[in-house]
């Protein structure tokens, strides 16, 4: 079993991900594309 990451590790990881402009652009494009899918779903 792997140890759970500590909060500082998580903060550093999120910071690194946010600094990756290509990854962030891809994530934004994916999120924007899924908004329409969710809006069309029935409850």
Protein backbone atom coordinates (compact mmCIF):
# COMPACT_ATOMS: atom_id res chain seq x y z
CA UNK A 1 0.00 0.00 0.00
CA UNK A 2 1.40 3.38 -0.99
CA UNK A 3 1.56 6.17 1.58
CA UNK A 4 -0.99 8.96 1.21
CA UNK A 5 0.50 12.21 -0.09
CA UNK A 6 0.81 14.98 2.44
CA UNK A 7 -0.90 18.31 1.88
CA UNK A 8 2.31 20.09 0.85
CA UNK A 9 2.91 17.49 -1.87
CA UNK A 10 -0.61 18.05 -3.17
CA UNK A 11 -0.13 21.82 -3.25
CA UNK A 12 3.13 21.44 -5.16
CA UNK A 13 1.54 19.00 -7.60
CA UNK A 14 -1.44 21.27 -8.29
CA UNK A 15 0.91 24.23 -8.74
CA UNK A 16 3.00 22.29 -11.26
CA UNK A 17 -0.10 21.25 -13.18
CA UNK A 18 -1.40 24.83 -13.28
CA UNK A 19 1.92 26.05 -14.66
CA UNK A 20 1.67 23.59 -17.57
CA UNK A 21 -0.06 25.84 -20.12
CA UNK A 22 -0.64 23.10 -22.69
CA UNK A 23 -2.25 20.83 -20.09
CA UNK A 24 -4.41 23.66 -18.80
CA UNK A 25 -5.55 24.58 -22.33
CA UNK A 26 -6.45 20.94 -23.00
CA UNK A 27 -8.32 20.70 -19.69
CA UNK A 28 -10.28 23.88 -20.44
CA UNK A 29 -11.18 22.68 -23.94
CA UNK A 30 -12.39 19.35 -22.52
CA UNK A 31 -14.44 21.07 -19.81
CA UNK A 32 -16.02 23.46 -22.29
CA UNK A 33 -16.90 20.57 -24.63
CA UNK A 34 -18.63 18.60 -21.86
CA UNK A 35 -20.82 21.47 -20.67
CA UNK A 36 -23.14 21.03 -23.63
CA UNK A 37 -23.39 17.29 -23.00
CA UNK A 38 -24.49 17.80 -19.41
CA UNK A 39 -27.01 20.49 -20.35
CA UNK A 40 -28.79 18.04 -22.67
CA UNK A 41 -29.25 15.30 -20.05
CA UNK A 42 -32.63 14.69 -18.50
CA UNK A 43 -32.97 14.50 -14.74
